[in-house]
Amino acid sequence: MARLTDVPPARVLVPLTVLLVLLGGVPAASAAPVAPLWGWPVTAGTPVTRPFAPPPSPYAAGHRGVDLATVPGQPVVAAGVGVVAFAGMVAGRPVVSVDHPGGLRTTYEPVTPSVAAGQAVALGTPLGELTAGHAGCPAEACLHWGLRRGGTYLDPLSLLRAPRVRLLPWD
C-alpha cells in the first residue's frame, strides 16, 4: 500500500481543489470582466488588405506591419497604453509612434496627428485621422499599423489574439 508521501503532489492537489470548489469551500474565480490590454487602432474587424510579412534579414524587403482598409478621415486610436514617441512627418508621410510597456512600439501611418510627442495615451485614445495615400492600398485609404520590440518587427495582429498558455510538468 502506497503512503501519501509517495504520491505526486499534483495527484492529490488537483482532485482536492476540484472537490473543494464543488463543495463551496474555495471561492470560484470572479465573473467580473477583465479589461483588454490591446485593441484595434480603427474599427474592430477592419479588413486586412496586406498581412505582416517579416523580412528574412534586417535590411531585406518585407512588409513590417499590416494594412487595414478603411476611409480617409477615419479616427485612429492608440492600440494600448503608452506614451507618444513621435508625431510628425517621415519621408513625406504623417506618422504617429507610441511606446508601450515591455519595450513595444506601435506605429500608425498615414495619420495626421492630433497628439504630440511625450503625451500619455490610454487604450482607445485618439491619435489622429487617417489620410489617403498609402502605396499599394486597394481601398480609399489604408492604415499601415506596425509593431516592434527593439529592432525586431512583430505582427501587430498578435496583440489582439488571446495569449497561448501552456502548462509544464512539475518533474
N, C-alpha and C. Protein backbone atom coordinates (compact mmCIF):
# COMPACT_ATOMS: atom_id res chain seq x y z
N MET A 1 0.84 -1.18 0.00
CA MET A 1 0.00 0.00 0.00
C MET A 1 0.89 1.24 0.00
N ALA A 2 0.56 2.22 -0.88
CA ALA A 2 1.37 3.44 -1.00
C ALA A 2 1.03 4.40 0.12
N ARG A 3 2.05 5.11 0.58
CA ARG A 3 1.84 6.14 1.59
C ARG A 3 1.54 7.46 0.89
N LEU A 4 0.86 8.37 1.56
CA LEU A 4 0.51 9.66 0.99
C LEU A 4 1.75 10.44 0.55
N THR A 5 2.88 10.26 1.25
CA THR A 5 4.09 10.98 0.89
C THR A 5 4.71 10.44 -0.40
N ASP A 6 4.28 9.26 -0.87
CA ASP A 6 4.81 8.67 -2.10
C ASP A 6 4.01 9.13 -3.33
N VAL A 7 2.88 9.82 -3.12
CA VAL A 7 2.01 10.23 -4.22
C VAL A 7 2.46 11.61 -4.71
N PRO A 8 2.61 11.77 -6.05
CA PRO A 8 2.99 13.10 -6.55
C PRO A 8 1.97 14.15 -6.13
N PRO A 9 2.43 15.36 -5.78
CA PRO A 9 1.53 16.40 -5.28
C PRO A 9 0.36 16.71 -6.21
N ALA A 10 0.58 16.69 -7.51
CA ALA A 10 -0.50 17.02 -8.45
C ALA A 10 -1.64 16.01 -8.37
N ARG A 11 -1.34 14.77 -8.04
CA ARG A 11 -2.38 13.73 -7.96
C ARG A 11 -3.27 13.94 -6.74
N VAL A 12 -2.79 14.69 -5.78
CA VAL A 12 -3.59 14.96 -4.58
C VAL A 12 -4.23 16.35 -4.68
N LEU A 13 -3.44 17.35 -5.07
CA LEU A 13 -3.92 18.74 -5.05
C LEU A 13 -5.02 19.02 -6.07
N VAL A 14 -4.89 18.51 -7.27
CA VAL A 14 -5.89 18.80 -8.30
C VAL A 14 -7.26 18.23 -7.91
N PRO A 15 -7.38 16.94 -7.59
CA PRO A 15 -8.71 16.45 -7.20
C PRO A 15 -9.24 17.12 -5.94
N LEU A 16 -8.37 17.42 -4.98
CA LEU A 16 -8.79 18.08 -3.76
C LEU A 16 -9.32 19.48 -4.05
N THR A 17 -8.65 20.23 -4.90
CA THR A 17 -9.10 21.57 -5.26
C THR A 17 -10.45 21.53 -5.96
N VAL A 18 -10.61 20.60 -6.90
CA VAL A 18 -11.89 20.45 -7.61
C VAL A 18 -13.00 20.12 -6.62
N LEU A 19 -12.73 19.22 -5.70
CA LEU A 19 -13.73 18.83 -4.72
C LEU A 19 -14.12 20.02 -3.84
N LEU A 20 -13.13 20.80 -3.39
CA LEU A 20 -13.43 21.97 -2.55
C LEU A 20 -14.24 23.01 -3.29
N VAL A 21 -13.94 23.24 -4.56
CA VAL A 21 -14.71 24.21 -5.34
C VAL A 21 -16.15 23.73 -5.49
N LEU A 22 -16.33 22.43 -5.78
CA LEU A 22 -17.68 21.89 -5.94
C LEU A 22 -18.48 21.96 -4.65
N LEU A 23 -17.81 21.80 -3.53
CA LEU A 23 -18.49 21.84 -2.24
C LEU A 23 -18.63 23.26 -1.70
N GLY A 24 -18.02 24.22 -2.38
CA GLY A 24 -18.15 25.61 -1.96
C GLY A 24 -17.11 26.02 -0.93
N GLY A 25 -16.09 25.23 -0.72
CA GLY A 25 -15.06 25.55 0.27
C GLY A 25 -14.03 26.53 -0.23
N VAL A 26 -13.91 26.68 -1.54
CA VAL A 26 -12.95 27.62 -2.13
C VAL A 26 -13.74 28.52 -3.07
N PRO A 27 -13.63 29.84 -2.92
CA PRO A 27 -14.40 30.71 -3.80
C PRO A 27 -13.96 30.54 -5.24
N ALA A 28 -14.92 30.47 -6.15
CA ALA A 28 -14.62 30.37 -7.58
C ALA A 28 -14.10 31.71 -8.07
N ALA A 29 -13.47 31.71 -9.22
CA ALA A 29 -12.93 32.94 -9.80
C ALA A 29 -14.06 33.94 -10.03
N SER A 30 -13.74 35.18 -9.88
CA SER A 30 -14.72 36.24 -10.08
C SER A 30 -15.20 36.26 -11.52
N ALA A 31 -16.46 36.55 -11.71
CA ALA A 31 -17.02 36.62 -13.04
C ALA A 31 -16.90 38.03 -13.63
N ALA A 32 -16.22 38.93 -12.91
CA ALA A 32 -16.07 40.29 -13.40
C ALA A 32 -15.27 40.29 -14.70
N PRO A 33 -15.67 41.08 -15.68
CA PRO A 33 -14.94 41.11 -16.94
C PRO A 33 -13.55 41.71 -16.75
N VAL A 34 -12.62 41.22 -17.53
CA VAL A 34 -11.25 41.70 -17.50
C VAL A 34 -11.09 42.73 -18.61
N ALA A 35 -10.55 43.89 -18.29
CA ALA A 35 -10.34 44.93 -19.29
C ALA A 35 -9.25 44.49 -20.26
N PRO A 36 -9.47 44.67 -21.56
CA PRO A 36 -8.44 44.27 -22.53
C PRO A 36 -7.21 45.16 -22.42
N LEU A 37 -6.06 44.59 -22.74
CA LEU A 37 -4.83 45.35 -22.74
C LEU A 37 -4.60 46.04 -24.08
N TRP A 38 -5.14 45.43 -25.15
CA TRP A 38 -4.92 45.92 -26.51
C TRP A 38 -6.23 45.96 -27.28
N GLY A 39 -6.28 46.81 -28.27
CA GLY A 39 -7.46 46.90 -29.12
C GLY A 39 -7.09 47.32 -30.53
N TRP A 40 -8.07 47.32 -31.40
CA TRP A 40 -7.89 47.73 -32.79
C TRP A 40 -7.60 49.23 -32.85
N PRO A 41 -6.73 49.67 -33.75
CA PRO A 41 -6.48 51.11 -33.90
C PRO A 41 -7.56 51.82 -34.73
N VAL A 42 -8.36 51.03 -35.44
CA VAL A 42 -9.53 51.53 -36.18
C VAL A 42 -10.68 50.60 -35.82
N THR A 43 -11.79 50.70 -36.49
CA THR A 43 -12.95 49.86 -36.19
C THR A 43 -12.56 48.39 -36.12
N ALA A 44 -12.99 47.71 -35.05
CA ALA A 44 -12.66 46.29 -34.86
C ALA A 44 -13.09 45.47 -36.06
N GLY A 45 -12.24 44.55 -36.47
CA GLY A 45 -12.56 43.66 -37.57
C GLY A 45 -12.34 44.28 -38.94
N THR A 46 -11.71 45.44 -39.00
CA THR A 46 -11.41 46.08 -40.29
C THR A 46 -10.61 45.10 -41.15
N PRO A 47 -10.97 44.98 -42.44
CA PRO A 47 -10.26 44.01 -43.30
C PRO A 47 -8.77 44.30 -43.43
N VAL A 48 -7.99 43.24 -43.39
CA VAL A 48 -6.54 43.33 -43.62
C VAL A 48 -6.31 43.18 -45.12
N THR A 49 -5.76 44.22 -45.74
CA THR A 49 -5.52 44.14 -47.19
C THR A 49 -4.13 43.62 -47.51
N ARG A 50 -3.23 43.74 -46.56
CA ARG A 50 -1.87 43.21 -46.73
C ARG A 50 -1.38 42.76 -45.36
N PRO A 51 -1.07 41.46 -45.22
CA PRO A 51 -0.65 40.95 -43.91
C PRO A 51 0.82 41.24 -43.62
N PHE A 52 1.19 40.96 -42.39
CA PHE A 52 2.57 41.06 -41.93
C PHE A 52 3.42 40.03 -42.66
N ALA A 53 4.54 40.46 -43.23
CA ALA A 53 5.47 39.56 -43.92
C ALA A 53 6.88 39.98 -43.53
N PRO A 54 7.40 39.38 -42.43
CA PRO A 54 8.71 39.83 -41.94
C PRO A 54 9.81 39.56 -42.96
N PRO A 55 10.78 40.46 -43.03
CA PRO A 55 11.89 40.24 -43.96
C PRO A 55 12.80 39.12 -43.45
N PRO A 56 13.48 38.42 -44.36
CA PRO A 56 14.38 37.34 -43.93
C PRO A 56 15.63 37.85 -43.20
N SER A 57 15.96 39.12 -43.41
CA SER A 57 17.08 39.74 -42.71
C SER A 57 16.72 41.20 -42.46
N PRO A 58 17.42 41.86 -41.54
CA PRO A 58 17.03 43.22 -41.16
C PRO A 58 16.91 44.23 -42.30
N TYR A 59 17.68 44.07 -43.37
CA TYR A 59 17.68 45.06 -44.44
C TYR A 59 17.01 44.56 -45.71
N ALA A 60 16.39 43.39 -45.66
CA ALA A 60 15.73 42.83 -46.83
C ALA A 60 14.31 43.37 -46.97
N ALA A 61 13.72 43.13 -48.13
CA ALA A 61 12.35 43.55 -48.37
C ALA A 61 11.39 42.72 -47.54
N GLY A 62 10.30 43.31 -47.16
CA GLY A 62 9.26 42.64 -46.40
C GLY A 62 8.16 43.65 -46.10
N HIS A 63 7.14 43.21 -45.43
CA HIS A 63 6.07 44.12 -45.03
C HIS A 63 6.04 44.11 -43.51
N ARG A 64 6.54 45.16 -42.90
CA ARG A 64 6.78 45.24 -41.47
C ARG A 64 5.56 45.76 -40.70
N GLY A 65 4.40 45.26 -41.01
CA GLY A 65 3.17 45.66 -40.36
C GLY A 65 2.00 45.06 -41.12
N VAL A 66 0.81 45.57 -40.87
CA VAL A 66 -0.39 45.15 -41.60
C VAL A 66 -1.07 46.40 -42.14
N ASP A 67 -1.74 46.25 -43.28
CA ASP A 67 -2.53 47.34 -43.84
C ASP A 67 -4.00 47.03 -43.60
N LEU A 68 -4.71 48.00 -43.03
CA LEU A 68 -6.13 47.85 -42.70
C LEU A 68 -6.94 48.79 -43.58
N ALA A 69 -7.89 48.24 -44.35
CA ALA A 69 -8.70 49.03 -45.28
C ALA A 69 -9.76 49.81 -44.54
N THR A 70 -9.83 51.11 -44.83
CA THR A 70 -10.84 51.97 -44.22
C THR A 70 -11.05 53.18 -45.13
N VAL A 71 -11.38 54.32 -44.58
CA VAL A 71 -11.67 55.51 -45.38
C VAL A 71 -10.88 56.71 -44.86
N PRO A 72 -10.60 57.69 -45.73
CA PRO A 72 -9.93 58.90 -45.25
C PRO A 72 -10.77 59.58 -44.17
N GLY A 73 -10.10 60.14 -43.18
CA GLY A 73 -10.78 60.80 -42.08
C GLY A 73 -11.14 59.88 -40.93
N GLN A 74 -10.93 58.57 -41.12
CA GLN A 74 -11.21 57.59 -40.07
C GLN A 74 -10.37 57.94 -38.83
N PRO A 75 -10.99 58.06 -37.65
CA PRO A 75 -10.18 58.26 -36.44
C PRO A 75 -9.29 57.04 -36.18
N VAL A 76 -8.07 57.31 -35.80
CA VAL A 76 -7.12 56.25 -35.45
C VAL A 76 -6.82 56.42 -33.96
N VAL A 77 -6.92 55.31 -33.21
CA VAL A 77 -6.75 55.37 -31.76
C VAL A 77 -5.56 54.51 -31.31
N ALA A 78 -5.07 54.79 -30.12
CA ALA A 78 -3.97 54.01 -29.55
C ALA A 78 -4.42 52.58 -29.31
N ALA A 79 -3.60 51.63 -29.74
CA ALA A 79 -3.92 50.21 -29.57
C ALA A 79 -3.68 49.76 -28.13
N GLY A 80 -3.01 50.58 -27.33
CA GLY A 80 -2.75 50.23 -25.94
C GLY A 80 -2.21 51.43 -25.18
N VAL A 81 -2.01 51.25 -23.90
CA VAL A 81 -1.49 52.29 -23.02
C VAL A 81 -0.04 52.58 -23.38
N GLY A 82 0.33 53.86 -23.38
CA GLY A 82 1.72 54.20 -23.68
C GLY A 82 1.96 55.69 -23.68
N VAL A 83 3.06 56.06 -24.32
CA VAL A 83 3.46 57.45 -24.45
C VAL A 83 3.81 57.70 -25.91
N VAL A 84 3.29 58.78 -26.48
CA VAL A 84 3.60 59.11 -27.86
C VAL A 84 5.10 59.40 -27.97
N ALA A 85 5.77 58.62 -28.82
CA ALA A 85 7.21 58.78 -29.03
C ALA A 85 7.49 59.75 -30.16
N PHE A 86 6.58 59.77 -31.16
CA PHE A 86 6.78 60.63 -32.33
C PHE A 86 5.43 60.93 -32.96
N ALA A 87 5.26 62.15 -33.42
CA ALA A 87 4.07 62.55 -34.17
C ALA A 87 4.51 63.62 -35.15
N GLY A 88 4.63 63.24 -36.43
CA GLY A 88 5.09 64.19 -37.44
C GLY A 88 5.31 63.51 -38.77
N MET A 89 6.12 64.14 -39.60
CA MET A 89 6.35 63.66 -40.95
C MET A 89 7.62 62.80 -41.03
N VAL A 90 7.50 61.70 -41.77
CA VAL A 90 8.64 60.83 -42.08
C VAL A 90 8.56 60.53 -43.58
N ALA A 91 9.57 60.92 -44.31
CA ALA A 91 9.63 60.68 -45.76
C ALA A 91 8.35 61.17 -46.45
N GLY A 92 7.83 62.33 -46.03
CA GLY A 92 6.67 62.93 -46.66
C GLY A 92 5.33 62.35 -46.22
N ARG A 93 5.33 61.46 -45.22
CA ARG A 93 4.08 60.84 -44.74
C ARG A 93 3.90 61.17 -43.26
N PRO A 94 2.64 61.47 -42.85
CA PRO A 94 2.40 61.71 -41.42
C PRO A 94 2.36 60.39 -40.65
N VAL A 95 3.11 60.34 -39.55
CA VAL A 95 3.29 59.11 -38.76
C VAL A 95 3.13 59.42 -37.28
N VAL A 96 2.54 58.47 -36.56
CA VAL A 96 2.48 58.53 -35.09
C VAL A 96 3.06 57.23 -34.57
N SER A 97 3.95 57.33 -33.58
CA SER A 97 4.52 56.15 -32.91
C SER A 97 4.24 56.26 -31.42
N VAL A 98 3.91 55.11 -30.81
CA VAL A 98 3.61 55.07 -29.38
C VAL A 98 4.47 54.01 -28.73
N ASP A 99 5.18 54.39 -27.66
CA ASP A 99 5.95 53.44 -26.86
C ASP A 99 5.05 52.88 -25.77
N HIS A 100 5.09 51.54 -25.63
CA HIS A 100 4.26 50.82 -24.66
C HIS A 100 5.15 50.11 -23.64
N PRO A 101 4.61 49.76 -22.49
CA PRO A 101 5.38 48.98 -21.52
C PRO A 101 5.90 47.68 -22.15
N GLY A 102 7.02 47.21 -21.63
CA GLY A 102 7.58 45.96 -22.13
C GLY A 102 8.45 46.15 -23.37
N GLY A 103 8.76 47.41 -23.72
CA GLY A 103 9.64 47.66 -24.86
C GLY A 103 8.96 47.58 -26.21
N LEU A 104 7.64 47.62 -26.25
CA LEU A 104 6.92 47.57 -27.52
C LEU A 104 6.69 48.98 -28.06
N ARG A 105 6.68 49.09 -29.39
CA ARG A 105 6.34 50.36 -30.05
C ARG A 105 5.38 50.05 -31.19
N THR A 106 4.26 50.77 -31.22
CA THR A 106 3.33 50.66 -32.34
C THR A 106 3.48 51.91 -33.20
N THR A 107 3.26 51.73 -34.53
CA THR A 107 3.32 52.86 -35.45
C THR A 107 2.05 52.87 -36.29
N TYR A 108 1.66 54.07 -36.68
CA TYR A 108 0.41 54.28 -37.40
C TYR A 108 0.70 55.28 -38.52
N GLU A 109 0.42 54.89 -39.79
CA GLU A 109 0.62 55.81 -40.90
C GLU A 109 -0.29 55.47 -42.06
N PRO A 110 -0.67 56.40 -42.88
CA PRO A 110 -0.51 57.85 -42.77
C PRO A 110 -1.61 58.45 -41.88
N VAL A 111 -1.19 58.99 -40.76
CA VAL A 111 -2.12 59.54 -39.78
C VAL A 111 -1.73 60.98 -39.47
N THR A 112 -2.64 61.90 -39.74
CA THR A 112 -2.42 63.29 -39.36
C THR A 112 -2.63 63.37 -37.86
N PRO A 113 -1.56 63.65 -37.10
CA PRO A 113 -1.64 63.54 -35.64
C PRO A 113 -2.47 64.62 -34.98
N SER A 114 -3.14 64.19 -33.90
CA SER A 114 -3.82 65.14 -33.00
C SER A 114 -3.16 65.07 -31.62
N VAL A 115 -2.02 64.37 -31.54
CA VAL A 115 -1.26 64.22 -30.29
C VAL A 115 0.15 64.74 -30.53
N ALA A 116 0.90 64.86 -29.45
CA ALA A 116 2.28 65.33 -29.53
C ALA A 116 3.21 64.38 -28.79
N ALA A 117 4.46 64.36 -29.18
CA ALA A 117 5.46 63.53 -28.51
C ALA A 117 5.47 63.84 -27.02
N GLY A 118 5.55 62.78 -26.21
CA GLY A 118 5.58 62.92 -24.76
C GLY A 118 4.21 62.81 -24.12
N GLN A 119 3.16 62.81 -24.91
CA GLN A 119 1.80 62.73 -24.38
C GLN A 119 1.45 61.29 -24.00
N ALA A 120 0.94 61.11 -22.79
CA ALA A 120 0.48 59.79 -22.35
C ALA A 120 -0.85 59.47 -23.02
N VAL A 121 -1.02 58.20 -23.42
CA VAL A 121 -2.27 57.77 -24.04
C VAL A 121 -2.75 56.49 -23.39
N ALA A 122 -4.05 56.31 -23.38
CA ALA A 122 -4.68 55.09 -22.88
C ALA A 122 -5.18 54.30 -24.09
N LEU A 123 -5.57 53.08 -23.85
CA LEU A 123 -6.20 52.27 -24.89
C LEU A 123 -7.40 53.04 -25.44
N GLY A 124 -7.43 53.27 -26.76
CA GLY A 124 -8.55 53.97 -27.37
C GLY A 124 -8.42 55.48 -27.46
N THR A 125 -7.33 56.05 -26.95
CA THR A 125 -7.13 57.50 -27.06
C THR A 125 -6.94 57.88 -28.53
N PRO A 126 -7.69 58.87 -29.04
CA PRO A 126 -7.49 59.30 -30.43
C PRO A 126 -6.07 59.80 -30.66
N LEU A 127 -5.46 59.32 -31.75
CA LEU A 127 -4.12 59.74 -32.13
C LEU A 127 -4.14 60.72 -33.30
N GLY A 128 -5.20 60.63 -34.12
CA GLY A 128 -5.30 61.49 -35.29
C GLY A 128 -6.28 60.90 -36.28
N GLU A 129 -6.21 61.41 -37.52
CA GLU A 129 -7.10 60.95 -38.58
C GLU A 129 -6.29 60.34 -39.71
N LEU A 130 -6.84 59.28 -40.29
CA LEU A 130 -6.21 58.61 -41.42
C LEU A 130 -6.32 59.49 -42.66
N THR A 131 -5.25 59.55 -43.42
CA THR A 131 -5.28 60.25 -44.70
C THR A 131 -5.10 59.21 -45.81
N ALA A 132 -5.52 59.57 -47.00
CA ALA A 132 -5.33 58.68 -48.15
C ALA A 132 -3.87 58.74 -48.58
N GLY A 133 -3.49 57.76 -49.41
CA GLY A 133 -2.16 57.85 -50.00
C GLY A 133 -1.19 56.77 -49.60
N HIS A 134 -1.65 55.72 -48.93
CA HIS A 134 -0.71 54.63 -48.60
C HIS A 134 -0.50 53.78 -49.85
N ALA A 135 0.74 53.66 -50.28
CA ALA A 135 1.08 52.93 -51.51
C ALA A 135 0.59 51.48 -51.46
N GLY A 136 -0.03 51.04 -52.55
CA GLY A 136 -0.49 49.66 -52.66
C GLY A 136 -1.83 49.39 -52.01
N CYS A 137 -2.48 50.41 -51.50
CA CYS A 137 -3.77 50.24 -50.82
C CYS A 137 -4.88 50.09 -51.86
N PRO A 138 -5.65 48.98 -51.80
CA PRO A 138 -6.74 48.80 -52.75
C PRO A 138 -8.05 49.49 -52.33
N ALA A 139 -8.09 50.09 -51.15
CA ALA A 139 -9.28 50.77 -50.64
C ALA A 139 -9.09 52.28 -50.78
N GLU A 140 -10.10 53.05 -50.33
CA GLU A 140 -9.99 54.51 -50.34
C GLU A 140 -8.77 54.97 -49.54
N ALA A 141 -8.53 54.27 -48.42
CA ALA A 141 -7.38 54.57 -47.56
C ALA A 141 -7.05 53.32 -46.74
N CYS A 142 -5.80 53.17 -46.42
CA CYS A 142 -5.35 52.05 -45.58
C CYS A 142 -4.49 52.58 -44.45
N LEU A 143 -4.71 52.04 -43.28
CA LEU A 143 -3.82 52.32 -42.16
C LEU A 143 -2.73 51.27 -42.16
N HIS A 144 -1.47 51.72 -42.20
CA HIS A 144 -0.36 50.78 -42.00
C HIS A 144 -0.07 50.80 -40.51
N TRP A 145 -0.30 49.64 -39.86
CA TRP A 145 -0.12 49.51 -38.42
C TRP A 145 1.08 48.60 -38.19
N GLY A 146 2.07 49.11 -37.49
CA GLY A 146 3.29 48.34 -37.24
C GLY A 146 3.51 48.11 -35.76
N LEU A 147 4.35 47.10 -35.47
CA LEU A 147 4.71 46.76 -34.09
C LEU A 147 6.15 46.26 -34.09
N ARG A 148 6.90 46.70 -33.11
CA ARG A 148 8.24 46.16 -32.94
C ARG A 148 8.65 46.18 -31.47
N ARG A 149 9.57 45.31 -31.18
CA ARG A 149 10.22 45.26 -29.86
C ARG A 149 11.69 45.46 -30.15
N GLY A 150 12.22 46.61 -29.73
CA GLY A 150 13.60 46.94 -30.09
C GLY A 150 13.69 47.05 -31.60
N GLY A 151 14.62 46.32 -32.22
CA GLY A 151 14.77 46.34 -33.67
C GLY A 151 14.04 45.21 -34.37
N THR A 152 13.26 44.43 -33.63
CA THR A 152 12.57 43.28 -34.22
C THR A 152 11.12 43.64 -34.51
N TYR A 153 10.74 43.49 -35.77
CA TYR A 153 9.35 43.75 -36.17
C TYR A 153 8.50 42.54 -35.86
N LEU A 154 7.29 42.80 -35.37
CA LEU A 154 6.35 41.75 -34.98
C LEU A 154 5.01 42.00 -35.67
N ASP A 155 4.18 40.98 -35.71
CA ASP A 155 2.84 41.10 -36.29
C ASP A 155 1.94 41.85 -35.30
N PRO A 156 1.45 43.04 -35.64
CA PRO A 156 0.60 43.77 -34.70
C PRO A 156 -0.72 43.05 -34.40
N LEU A 157 -1.19 42.20 -35.30
CA LEU A 157 -2.42 41.46 -35.02
C LEU A 157 -2.24 40.49 -33.86
N SER A 158 -0.99 40.15 -33.52
CA SER A 158 -0.74 39.26 -32.38
C SER A 158 -1.17 39.91 -31.07
N LEU A 159 -1.24 41.24 -31.03
CA LEU A 159 -1.69 41.93 -29.83
C LEU A 159 -3.17 41.65 -29.55
N LEU A 160 -3.92 41.32 -30.59
CA LEU A 160 -5.36 41.13 -30.46
C LEU A 160 -5.75 39.70 -30.15
N ARG A 161 -4.81 38.78 -30.26
CA ARG A 161 -5.09 37.36 -30.00
C ARG A 161 -4.90 37.05 -28.53
N ALA A 162 -5.69 36.11 -28.04
CA ALA A 162 -5.53 35.66 -26.65
C ALA A 162 -4.16 35.01 -26.51
N PRO A 163 -3.48 35.24 -25.41
CA PRO A 163 -2.16 34.61 -25.23
C PRO A 163 -2.29 33.10 -25.16
N ARG A 164 -1.26 32.41 -25.64
CA ARG A 164 -1.23 30.97 -25.60
C ARG A 164 -0.65 30.53 -24.27
N VAL A 165 -1.42 29.75 -23.53
CA VAL A 165 -0.98 29.29 -22.22
C VAL A 165 -0.61 27.82 -22.33
N ARG A 166 0.57 27.49 -21.81
CA ARG A 166 0.99 26.09 -21.82
C ARG A 166 1.37 25.70 -20.40
N LEU A 167 0.87 24.56 -19.97
CA LEU A 167 1.22 24.04 -18.66
C LEU A 167 2.42 23.11 -18.81
N LEU A 168 3.36 23.27 -17.92
CA LEU A 168 4.55 22.44 -17.95
C LEU A 168 4.50 21.42 -16.81
N PRO A 169 5.08 20.26 -17.02
CA PRO A 169 5.07 19.24 -15.96
C PRO A 169 5.94 19.70 -14.77
N TRP A 170 5.59 19.21 -13.59
CA TRP A 170 6.36 19.54 -12.39
C TRP A 170 7.71 18.85 -12.38
N ASP A 171 7.79 17.68 -12.96
CA ASP A 171 9.05 16.91 -12.93
C ASP A 171 9.98 17.32 -14.03
